[in-house]
Amino acid sequence: MITVPVTPSDQKLSEPDSPLFSVAIVCLNAAEHLAEALESVLAQRFSDFELVLVDGGSVDSTLEIVRSHEPRFIGRMRWISEPDDGIYSAMNKALGMATGRYIVYLGADDRLALDALASVAEAIADEAEPDIVCGGVRVFGRGMGWTERPKLVMRRGLPKSAPSRHQSIYARIERIKPLGGFDTTFPVAADYDLYVRLKQAGATEILIDHELAEFRLGGISSRNALATARDYRDVRVARGASALIEQLVMHKSALGAALFALSRRLFGASDSGGE
């Protein structure tokens, strides 16, 4: 079935200056949860933001949901629907469309936490606008839930991972664009790769103890521990790590992730508030 691309909205931002935040959502056939993601953005009491939505050519009711929500953003929403080459290709499109100073990426099945934007704005004001802000994330789904606090761990000169899941990472657009955005040769870990490149380029960073997003289990990295571990290995090798050591670490990481997921399924979350 061929979907005719939809022209991006021609509504202008309600304010003449660039917004502080660009909230980017990329999606494809996301009708089941997209409205929740959009409602979580509309619920923010901090209003200096734009929403950039990139759809990959959905054939379900995704675009109906987009159109029905667009008027409620009062000119702060821009979107496009056309075929793309995968999630990171779509995220690069969103980066090209964004006009804010900072960008954060949500999946269509994720949600901004209440007052997430206000929390980041306050942190930015206190720290003279760092290049990266990382906060906490609430992980939920499959009958369980837990909270992850931001944490930076270095391993042999490179970050072991980003301090947070990308739904809780805000980065300055002017630092991302010179690096070329996401490297789409990494199908699972291009967000980790971009974080590593930002750090290697000298990006400043703060970690804040605020829950900024709700991440729903079920994405590609949630489903396939081995593919994720393999992509992390490839990123680290590409950024200067030892291929032999990273091969060994890959198998250890994949096993650990699989055992962790199994324990969560068998015993549920270790903290209160599981869904």
C-alpha atoms as a PDB file:
ATOM      1  CA  MET A   1       0.000   0.000   0.000  1.00  0.00           C
ATOM      2  CA  ILE A   2       1.390   3.393  -0.981  1.00  0.00           C
ATOM      3  CA  THR A   3       0.956   6.307   1.388  1.00  0.00           C
ATOM      4  CA  VAL A   4       1.020   9.810  -0.042  1.00  0.00           C
ATOM      5  CA  PRO A   5       3.446  11.964   2.016  1.00  0.00           C
ATOM      6  CA  VAL A   6       1.764  14.605   4.119  1.00  0.00           C
ATOM      7  CA  THR A   7       3.056  18.153   3.870  1.00  0.00           C
ATOM      8  CA  PRO A   8       4.410  19.502   7.171  1.00  0.00           C
ATOM      9  CA  SER A   9       2.127  21.865   9.000  1.00  0.00           C
ATOM     10  CA  ASP A  10       2.568  25.464   7.849  1.00  0.00           C
ATOM     11  CA  GLN A  11       1.486  26.882  11.206  1.00  0.00           C
ATOM     12  CA  LYS A  12       4.072  29.212  12.736  1.00  0.00           C
ATOM     13  CA  LEU A  13       5.371  29.115  16.285  1.00  0.00           C
ATOM     14  CA  SER A  14       3.349  31.259  18.648  1.00  0.00           C
ATOM     15  CA  GLU A  15       6.513  33.155  19.678  1.00  0.00           C
ATOM     16  CA  PRO A  16       8.976  34.782  17.240  1.00  0.00           C
ATOM     17  CA  ASP A  17      12.113  33.494  18.985  1.00  0.00           C
ATOM     18  CA  SER A  18      13.355  29.937  18.865  1.00  0.00           C
ATOM     19  CA  PRO A  19      11.953  27.807  21.692  1.00  0.00           C
ATOM     20  CA  LEU A  20      14.128  26.462  24.470  1.00  0.00           C
ATOM     21  CA  PHE A  21      13.128  22.862  23.770  1.00  0.00           C
ATOM     22  CA  SER A  22      12.324  20.785  20.708  1.00  0.00           C
ATOM     23  CA  VAL A  23      10.446  17.666  21.750  1.00  0.00           C
ATOM     24  CA  ALA A  24      10.821  15.177  18.893  1.00  0.00           C
ATOM     25  CA  ILE A  25       8.605  12.132  18.368  1.00  0.00           C
ATOM     26  CA  VAL A  26       9.329   9.610  15.625  1.00  0.00           C
ATOM     27  CA  CYS A  27       6.740   6.988  14.857  1.00  0.00           C
ATOM     28  CA  LEU A  28       5.308   4.435  12.439  1.00  0.00           C
ATOM     29  CA  ASN A  29       1.871   2.851  12.813  1.00  0.00           C
ATOM     30  CA  ALA A  30       1.796   4.098  16.387  1.00  0.00           C
ATOM     31  CA  ALA A  31      -1.929   4.556  16.936  1.00  0.00           C
ATOM     32  CA  GLU A  32      -2.016   2.382  20.064  1.00  0.00           C
ATOM     33  CA  HIS A  33       0.012   4.752  22.267  1.00  0.00           C
ATOM     34  CA  LEU A  34       0.736   7.966  20.353  1.00  0.00           C
ATOM     35  CA  ALA A  35      -2.088   9.942  21.963  1.00  0.00           C
ATOM     36  CA  GLU A  36      -0.547   9.283  25.393  1.00  0.00           C
ATOM     37  CA  ALA A  37       2.787  10.676  24.239  1.00  0.00           C
ATOM     38  CA  LEU A  38       1.154  13.781  22.781  1.00  0.00           C
ATOM     39  CA  GLU A  39      -0.965  14.330  25.892  1.00  0.00           C
ATOM     40  CA  SER A  40       2.160  14.145  28.062  1.00  0.00           C
ATOM     41  CA  VAL A  41       3.672  17.004  26.056  1.00  0.00           C
ATOM     42  CA  LEU A  42       0.488  19.056  26.204  1.00  0.00           C
ATOM     43  CA  ALA A  43       0.382  18.555  29.986  1.00  0.00           C
ATOM     44  CA  GLN A  44       3.700  20.389  30.473  1.00  0.00           C
ATOM     45  CA  ARG A  45       3.248  23.649  32.362  1.00  0.00           C
ATOM     46  CA  PHE A  46       6.491  25.002  30.894  1.00  0.00           C
ATOM     47  CA  SER A  47       5.424  26.308  27.498  1.00  0.00           C
ATOM     48  CA  ASP A  48       8.657  27.356  25.768  1.00  0.00           C
ATOM     49  CA  PHE A  49       8.810  24.331  23.466  1.00  0.00           C
ATOM     50  CA  GLU A  50       7.906  23.042  20.046  1.00  0.00           C
ATOM     51  CA  LEU A  51       6.831  19.546  19.060  1.00  0.00           C
ATOM     52  CA  VAL A  52       8.437  18.017  15.970  1.00  0.00           C
ATOM     53  CA  LEU A  53       6.846  14.768  14.798  1.00  0.00           C
ATOM     54  CA  VAL A  54       8.268  12.568  12.043  1.00  0.00           C
ATOM     55  CA  ASP A  55       6.064   9.735  10.846  1.00  0.00           C
ATOM     56  CA  GLY A  56       7.412   7.032   8.563  1.00  0.00           C
ATOM     57  CA  GLY A  57       4.299   6.714   6.419  1.00  0.00           C
ATOM     58  CA  SER A  58       1.771   5.115   8.768  1.00  0.00           C
ATOM     59  CA  VAL A  59      -1.169   3.204   7.345  1.00  0.00           C
ATOM     60  CA  ASP A  60      -3.149   2.879  10.570  1.00  0.00           C
ATOM     61  CA  SER A  61      -4.935   5.769  12.336  1.00  0.00           C
ATOM     62  CA  THR A  62      -1.693   7.450  13.459  1.00  0.00           C
ATOM     63  CA  LEU A  63      -2.181  10.495  11.223  1.00  0.00           C
ATOM     64  CA  GLU A  64      -5.755  10.940  12.401  1.00  0.00           C
ATOM     65  CA  ILE A  65      -4.408  11.212  15.949  1.00  0.00           C
ATOM     66  CA  VAL A  66      -1.754  13.689  14.819  1.00  0.00           C
ATOM     67  CA  ARG A  67      -4.291  15.887  13.040  1.00  0.00           C
ATOM     68  CA  SER A  68      -6.742  15.814  15.943  1.00  0.00           C
ATOM     69  CA  HIS A  69      -4.065  16.947  18.408  1.00  0.00           C
ATOM     70  CA  GLU A  70      -2.380  19.558  16.214  1.00  0.00           C
ATOM     71  CA  PRO A  71      -4.780  22.469  16.981  1.00  0.00           C
ATOM     72  CA  ARG A  72      -4.195  22.027  20.708  1.00  0.00           C
ATOM     73  CA  PHE A  73      -0.508  22.874  20.273  1.00  0.00           C
ATOM     74  CA  ILE A  74      -1.500  26.348  19.055  1.00  0.00           C
ATOM     75  CA  GLY A  75       1.112  26.569  16.329  1.00  0.00           C
ATOM     76  CA  ARG A  76       3.907  24.846  18.272  1.00  0.00           C
ATOM     77  CA  MET A  77       3.629  21.554  16.383  1.00  0.00           C
ATOM     78  CA  ARG A  78       5.224  20.710  13.038  1.00  0.00           C
ATOM     79  CA  TRP A  79       5.105  17.302  11.441  1.00  0.00           C
ATOM     80  CA  ILE A  80       5.762  15.288   8.328  1.00  0.00           C
ATOM     81  CA  SER A  81       4.790  11.822   7.134  1.00  0.00           C
ATOM     82  CA  GLU A  82       6.841  10.045   4.478  1.00  0.00           C
ATOM     83  CA  PRO A  83       8.851   6.816   4.133  1.00  0.00           C
ATOM     84  CA  ASP A  84      12.225   6.754   5.861  1.00  0.00           C
ATOM     85  CA  ASP A  85      15.122   4.370   6.404  1.00  0.00           C
ATOM     86  CA  GLY A  86      14.424   3.499  10.034  1.00  0.00           C
ATOM     87  CA  ILE A  87      14.263   5.079  13.462  1.00  0.00           C
ATOM     88  CA  TYR A  88      17.597   6.920  13.372  1.00  0.00           C
ATOM     89  CA  SER A  89      16.919   8.228   9.882  1.00  0.00           C
ATOM     90  CA  ALA A  90      13.653   9.632  11.241  1.00  0.00           C
ATOM     91  CA  MET A  91      15.454  11.090  14.262  1.00  0.00           C
ATOM     92  CA  ASN A  92      17.874  12.856  11.923  1.00  0.00           C
ATOM     93  CA  LYS A  93      14.918  14.300  10.014  1.00  0.00           C
ATOM     94  CA  ALA A  94      13.509  15.597  13.290  1.00  0.00           C
ATOM     95  CA  LEU A  95      16.882  17.148  14.101  1.00  0.00           C
ATOM     96  CA  GLY A  96      16.826  18.959  10.762  1.00  0.00           C
ATOM     97  CA  MET A  97      13.330  20.296  11.436  1.00  0.00           C
ATOM     98  CA  ALA A  98      13.992  21.365  15.022  1.00  0.00           C
ATOM     99  CA  THR A  99      14.481  25.054  15.851  1.00  0.00           C
ATOM    100  CA  GLY A 100      14.957  24.827  19.630  1.00  0.00           C
ATOM    101  CA  ARG A 101      18.166  25.125  21.636  1.00  0.00           C
ATOM    102  CA  TYR A 102      17.828  21.658  23.158  1.00  0.00           C
ATOM    103  CA  ILE A 103      16.274  18.518  21.720  1.00  0.00           C
ATOM    104  CA  VAL A 104      14.838  15.434  23.430  1.00  0.00           C
ATOM    105  CA  TYR A 105      13.530  12.349  21.639  1.00  0.00           C
ATOM    106  CA  LEU A 106      10.459  10.352  22.631  1.00  0.00           C
ATOM    107  CA  GLY A 107       9.184   7.161  21.135  1.00  0.00           C
ATOM    108  CA  ALA A 108       5.488   7.159  20.333  1.00  0.00           C
ATOM    109  CA  ASP A 109       4.929   4.783  23.250  1.00  0.00           C
ATOM    110  CA  ASP A 110       6.890   6.907  25.764  1.00  0.00           C
ATOM    111  CA  ARG A 111       5.713   9.855  27.843  1.00  0.00           C
ATOM    112  CA  LEU A 112       7.217  13.002  29.276  1.00  0.00           C
ATOM    113  CA  ALA A 113       7.040  13.033  33.060  1.00  0.00           C
ATOM    114  CA  LEU A 114       4.964  15.756  34.676  1.00  0.00           C
ATOM    115  CA  ASP A 115       6.900  19.043  34.668  1.00  0.00           C
ATOM    116  CA  ALA A 116       9.891  17.445  32.934  1.00  0.00           C
ATOM    117  CA  LEU A 117      10.532  20.547  30.823  1.00  0.00           C
ATOM    118  CA  ALA A 118      10.335  22.852  33.830  1.00  0.00           C
ATOM    119  CA  SER A 119      12.843  20.698  35.712  1.00  0.00           C
ATOM    120  CA  VAL A 120      15.338  20.818  32.841  1.00  0.00           C
ATOM    121  CA  ALA A 121      14.825  24.546  32.326  1.00  0.00           C
ATOM    122  CA  GLU A 122      15.603  25.162  35.989  1.00  0.00           C
ATOM    123  CA  ALA A 123      18.716  22.999  35.825  1.00  0.00           C
ATOM    124  CA  ILE A 124      19.921  24.757  32.685  1.00  0.00           C
ATOM    125  CA  ALA A 125      19.474  28.173  34.294  1.00  0.00           C
ATOM    126  CA  ASP A 126      21.487  27.095  37.339  1.00  0.00           C
ATOM    127  CA  GLU A 127      24.357  25.626  35.297  1.00  0.00           C
ATOM    128  CA  ALA A 128      24.847  28.193  32.502  1.00  0.00           C
ATOM    129  CA  GLU A 129      23.338  25.967  29.800  1.00  0.00           C
ATOM    130  CA  PRO A 130      25.380  22.747  29.735  1.00  0.00           C
ATOM    131  CA  ASP A 131      25.544  20.834  26.466  1.00  0.00           C
ATOM    132  CA  ILE A 132      23.821  17.728  27.861  1.00  0.00           C
ATOM    133  CA  VAL A 133      21.289  17.258  30.665  1.00  0.00           C
ATOM    134  CA  CYS A 134      20.460  13.731  31.846  1.00  0.00           C
ATOM    135  CA  GLY A 135      17.657  12.867  34.250  1.00  0.00           C
ATOM    136  CA  GLY A 136      15.839   9.853  35.630  1.00  0.00           C
ATOM    137  CA  VAL A 137      13.374   7.651  33.815  1.00  0.00           C
ATOM    138  CA  ARG A 138      10.477   5.484  34.915  1.00  0.00           C
ATOM    139  CA  VAL A 139      10.527   2.128  33.094  1.00  0.00           C
ATOM    140  CA  PHE A 140       7.185   0.354  32.849  1.00  0.00           C
ATOM    141  CA  GLY A 141       5.332  -2.379  31.013  1.00  0.00           C
ATOM    142  CA  ARG A 142       4.801  -6.136  31.078  1.00  0.00           C
ATOM    143  CA  GLY A 143       3.215  -5.874  34.504  1.00  0.00           C
ATOM    144  CA  MET A 144       6.181  -4.227  36.218  1.00  0.00           C
ATOM    145  CA  GLY A 145       7.967  -0.933  36.660  1.00  0.00           C
ATOM    146  CA  TRP A 146      11.053   0.630  38.200  1.00  0.00           C
ATOM    147  CA  THR A 147      12.896   3.940  38.314  1.00  0.00           C
ATOM    148  CA  GLU A 148      16.386   4.465  36.902  1.00  0.00           C
ATOM    149  CA  ARG A 149      18.505   7.358  38.156  1.00  0.00           C
ATOM    150  CA  PRO A 150      21.108   8.924  35.854  1.00  0.00           C
ATOM    151  CA  LYS A 151      24.599   7.529  36.339  1.00  0.00           C
ATOM    152  CA  LEU A 152      27.788   7.911  34.336  1.00  0.00           C
ATOM    153  CA  VAL A 153      30.168   4.929  34.388  1.00  0.00           C
ATOM    154  CA  MET A 154      33.417   5.029  32.433  1.00  0.00           C
ATOM    155  CA  ARG A 155      35.020   1.839  31.120  1.00  0.00           C
ATOM    156  CA  ARG A 156      38.481   1.929  29.575  1.00  0.00           C
ATOM    157  CA  GLY A 157      38.215   5.568  28.591  1.00  0.00           C
ATOM    158  CA  LEU A 158      34.677   5.492  27.136  1.00  0.00           C
ATOM    159  CA  PRO A 159      31.244   5.812  28.757  1.00  0.00           C
ATOM    160  CA  LYS A 160      29.868   2.342  29.435  1.00  0.00           C
ATOM    161  CA  SER A 161      26.498   3.704  28.325  1.00  0.00           C
ATOM    162  CA  ALA A 162      24.729   7.029  28.279  1.00  0.00           C
ATOM    163  CA  PRO A 163      23.785   8.081  31.835  1.00  0.00           C
ATOM    164  CA  SER A 164      20.087   7.863  30.967  1.00  0.00           C
ATOM    165  CA  ARG A 165      17.823   6.411  28.326  1.00  0.00           C
ATOM    166  CA  HIS A 166      17.488   8.853  25.435  1.00  0.00           C
ATOM    167  CA  GLN A 167      13.963   9.836  26.497  1.00  0.00           C
ATOM    168  CA  SER A 168      15.577  11.626  29.467  1.00  0.00           C
ATOM    169  CA  ILE A 169      18.552  13.175  27.665  1.00  0.00           C
ATOM    170  CA  TYR A 170      18.410  16.797  26.498  1.00  0.00           C
ATOM    171  CA  ALA A 171      21.239  17.928  24.212  1.00  0.00           C
ATOM    172  CA  ARG A 172      22.110  21.227  22.608  1.00  0.00           C
ATOM    173  CA  ILE A 173      21.239  21.117  18.935  1.00  0.00           C
ATOM    174  CA  GLU A 174      24.200  23.316  18.006  1.00  0.00           C
ATOM    175  CA  ARG A 175      26.537  20.641  19.405  1.00  0.00           C
ATOM    176  CA  ILE A 176      24.790  17.733  17.648  1.00  0.00           C
ATOM    177  CA  LYS A 177      24.531  19.120  14.120  1.00  0.00           C
ATOM    178  CA  PRO A 178      28.286  19.593  13.521  1.00  0.00           C
ATOM    179  CA  LEU A 179      28.725  15.903  14.361  1.00  0.00           C
ATOM    180  CA  GLY A 180      26.275  14.908  11.628  1.00  0.00           C
ATOM    181  CA  GLY A 181      23.515  13.677  13.923  1.00  0.00           C
ATOM    182  CA  PHE A 182      22.923   9.949  14.351  1.00  0.00           C
ATOM    183  CA  ASP A 183      25.134   7.456  12.538  1.00  0.00           C
ATOM    184  CA  THR A 184      22.554   5.184  10.914  1.00  0.00           C
ATOM    185  CA  THR A 185      25.079   2.374  10.401  1.00  0.00           C
ATOM    186  CA  PHE A 186      24.367   1.458  14.036  1.00  0.00           C
ATOM    187  CA  PRO A 187      20.805   0.068  13.917  1.00  0.00           C
ATOM    188  CA  VAL A 188      20.265  -0.166  17.696  1.00  0.00           C
ATOM    189  CA  ALA A 189      22.869   1.978  19.445  1.00  0.00           C
ATOM    190  CA  ALA A 190      23.213   5.120  17.308  1.00  0.00           C
ATOM    191  CA  ASP A 191      21.974   7.158  20.283  1.00  0.00           C
ATOM    192  CA  TYR A 192      24.797   5.737  22.425  1.00  0.00           C
ATOM    193  CA  ASP A 193      27.252   6.460  19.619  1.00  0.00           C
ATOM    194  CA  LEU A 194      26.124  10.077  19.388  1.00  0.00           C
ATOM    195  CA  TYR A 195      26.501  10.463  23.145  1.00  0.00           C
ATOM    196  CA  VAL A 196      30.065   9.084  22.983  1.00  0.00           C
ATOM    197  CA  ARG A 197      30.952  11.435  20.143  1.00  0.00           C
ATOM    198  CA  LEU A 198      29.533  14.406  22.034  1.00  0.00           C
ATOM    199  CA  LYS A 199      31.630  13.534  25.066  1.00  0.00           C
ATOM    200  CA  GLN A 200      34.742  13.025  22.938  1.00  0.00           C
ATOM    201  CA  ALA A 201      34.099  16.463  21.405  1.00  0.00           C
ATOM    202  CA  GLY A 202      34.206  18.019  24.891  1.00  0.00           C
ATOM    203  CA  ALA A 203      30.488  18.457  25.582  1.00  0.00           C
ATOM    204  CA  THR A 204      29.659  19.620  29.101  1.00  0.00           C
ATOM    205  CA  GLU A 205      27.090  17.622  31.048  1.00  0.00           C
ATOM    206  CA  ILE A 206      25.011  17.601  34.216  1.00  0.00           C
ATOM    207  CA  LEU A 207      22.968  14.813  35.807  1.00  0.00           C
ATOM    208  CA  ILE A 208      19.808  15.841  37.643  1.00  0.00           C
ATOM    209  CA  ASP A 209      17.798  13.830  40.125  1.00  0.00           C
ATOM    210  CA  HIS A 210      14.441  14.409  38.452  1.00  0.00           C
ATOM    211  CA  GLU A 211      12.323  11.828  36.679  1.00  0.00           C
ATOM    212  CA  LEU A 212      11.982  13.243  33.173  1.00  0.00           C
ATOM    213  CA  ALA A 213      10.302  10.494  31.149  1.00  0.00           C
ATOM    214  CA  GLU A 214       8.367   7.252  31.237  1.00  0.00           C
ATOM    215  CA  PHE A 215       9.822   4.543  29.013  1.00  0.00           C
ATOM    216  CA  ARG A 216       7.594   1.681  27.905  1.00  0.00           C
ATOM    217  CA  LEU A 217       9.267  -1.702  27.494  1.00  0.00           C
ATOM    218  CA  GLY A 218       8.934  -3.308  24.090  1.00  0.00           C
ATOM    219  CA  GLY A 219      11.238  -1.438  21.689  1.00  0.00           C
ATOM    220  CA  ILE A 220      13.963  -3.042  19.629  1.00  0.00           C
ATOM    221  CA  SER A 221      16.626  -2.668  22.333  1.00  0.00           C
ATOM    222  CA  SER A 222      14.239  -4.120  24.913  1.00  0.00           C
ATOM    223  CA  ARG A 223      13.482  -7.182  22.790  1.00  0.00           C
ATOM    224  CA  ASN A 224      16.934  -8.275  21.650  1.00  0.00           C
ATOM    225  CA  ALA A 225      19.725  -8.199  24.207  1.00  0.00           C
ATOM    226  CA  LEU A 226      22.283  -9.751  21.845  1.00  0.00           C
ATOM    227  CA  ALA A 227      21.637  -7.237  19.050  1.00  0.00           C
ATOM    228  CA  THR A 228      21.973  -4.374  21.532  1.00  0.00           C
ATOM    229  CA  ALA A 229      25.208  -5.760  23.001  1.00  0.00           C
ATOM    230  CA  ARG A 230      26.620  -6.293  19.494  1.00  0.00           C
ATOM    231  CA  ASP A 231      25.833  -2.734  18.465  1.00  0.00           C
ATOM    232  CA  TYR A 232      27.372  -1.338  21.651  1.00  0.00           C
ATOM    233  CA  ARG A 233      30.503  -3.350  20.876  1.00  0.00           C
ATOM    234  CA  ASP A 234      30.655  -1.933  17.361  1.00  0.00           C
ATOM    235  CA  VAL A 235      30.228   1.619  18.633  1.00  0.00           C
ATOM    236  CA  ARG A 236      33.002   1.250  21.179  1.00  0.00           C
ATOM    237  CA  VAL A 237      35.387  -0.303  18.658  1.00  0.00           C
ATOM    238  CA  ALA A 238      34.598   2.469  16.173  1.00  0.00           C
ATOM    239  CA  ARG A 239      35.381   5.055  18.864  1.00  0.00           C
ATOM    240  CA  GLY A 240      38.761   3.602  19.810  1.00  0.00           C
ATOM    241  CA  ALA A 241      38.207   0.587  22.085  1.00  0.00           C
ATOM    242  CA  SER A 242      39.940  -2.800  21.722  1.00  0.00           C
ATOM    243  CA  ALA A 243      38.019  -5.152  19.410  1.00  0.00           C
ATOM    244  CA  LEU A 244      39.107  -8.262  21.352  1.00  0.00           C
ATOM    245  CA  ILE A 245      38.111  -6.931  24.759  1.00  0.00           C
ATOM    246  CA  GLU A 246      34.817  -5.577  23.480  1.00  0.00           C
ATOM    247  CA  GLN A 247      33.968  -8.952  21.937  1.00  0.00           C
ATOM    248  CA  LEU A 248      34.313 -10.573  25.356  1.00  0.00           C
ATOM    249  CA  VAL A 249      32.340  -7.815  27.035  1.00  0.00           C
ATOM    250  CA  MET A 250      29.598  -8.146  24.422  1.00  0.00           C
ATOM    251  CA  HIS A 251      28.833 -11.739  25.395  1.00  0.00           C
ATOM    252  CA  LYS A 252      28.906 -10.878  29.082  1.00  0.00           C
ATOM    253  CA  SER A 253      26.575  -7.917  28.564  1.00  0.00           C
ATOM    254  CA  ALA A 254      24.115  -9.910  26.450  1.00  0.00           C
ATOM    255  CA  LEU A 255      23.968 -12.666  29.068  1.00  0.00           C
ATOM    256  CA  GLY A 256      23.543 -10.168  31.875  1.00  0.00           C
ATOM    257  CA  ALA A 257      20.740  -8.332  30.079  1.00  0.00           C
ATOM    258  CA  ALA A 258      18.952 -11.589  29.297  1.00  0.00           C
ATOM    259  CA  LEU A 259      19.184 -12.751  32.931  1.00  0.00           C
ATOM    260  CA  PHE A 260      17.992  -9.334  34.143  1.00  0.00           C
ATOM    261  CA  ALA A 261      14.969  -9.418  31.835  1.00  0.00           C
ATOM    262  CA  LEU A 262      14.176 -12.972  32.928  1.00  0.00           C
ATOM    263  CA  SER A 263      14.354 -12.043  36.612  1.00  0.00           C
ATOM    264  CA  ARG A 264      12.000  -9.117  36.021  1.00  0.00           C
ATOM    265  CA  ARG A 265       9.498 -11.395  34.311  1.00  0.00           C
ATOM    266  CA  LEU A 266       9.707 -14.044  37.033  1.00  0.00           C
ATOM    267  CA  PHE A 267       9.813 -11.868  40.121  1.00  0.00           C
ATOM    268  CA  GLY A 268       8.598  -8.440  39.018  1.00  0.00           C
ATOM    269  CA  ALA A 269      10.120  -5.060  39.869  1.00  0.00           C
ATOM    270  CA  SER A 270      12.108  -4.730  43.074  1.00  0.00           C
ATOM    271  CA  ASP A 271      10.610  -1.336  43.978  1.00  0.00           C
ATOM    272  CA  SER A 272       7.048  -0.264  44.590  1.00  0.00           C
ATOM    273  CA  GLY A 273       4.770   1.142  41.932  1.00  0.00           C
ATOM    274  CA  GLY A 274       5.032  -1.577  39.315  1.00  0.00           C
ATOM    275  CA  GLU A 275       2.398  -1.359  36.613  1.00  0.00           C
END
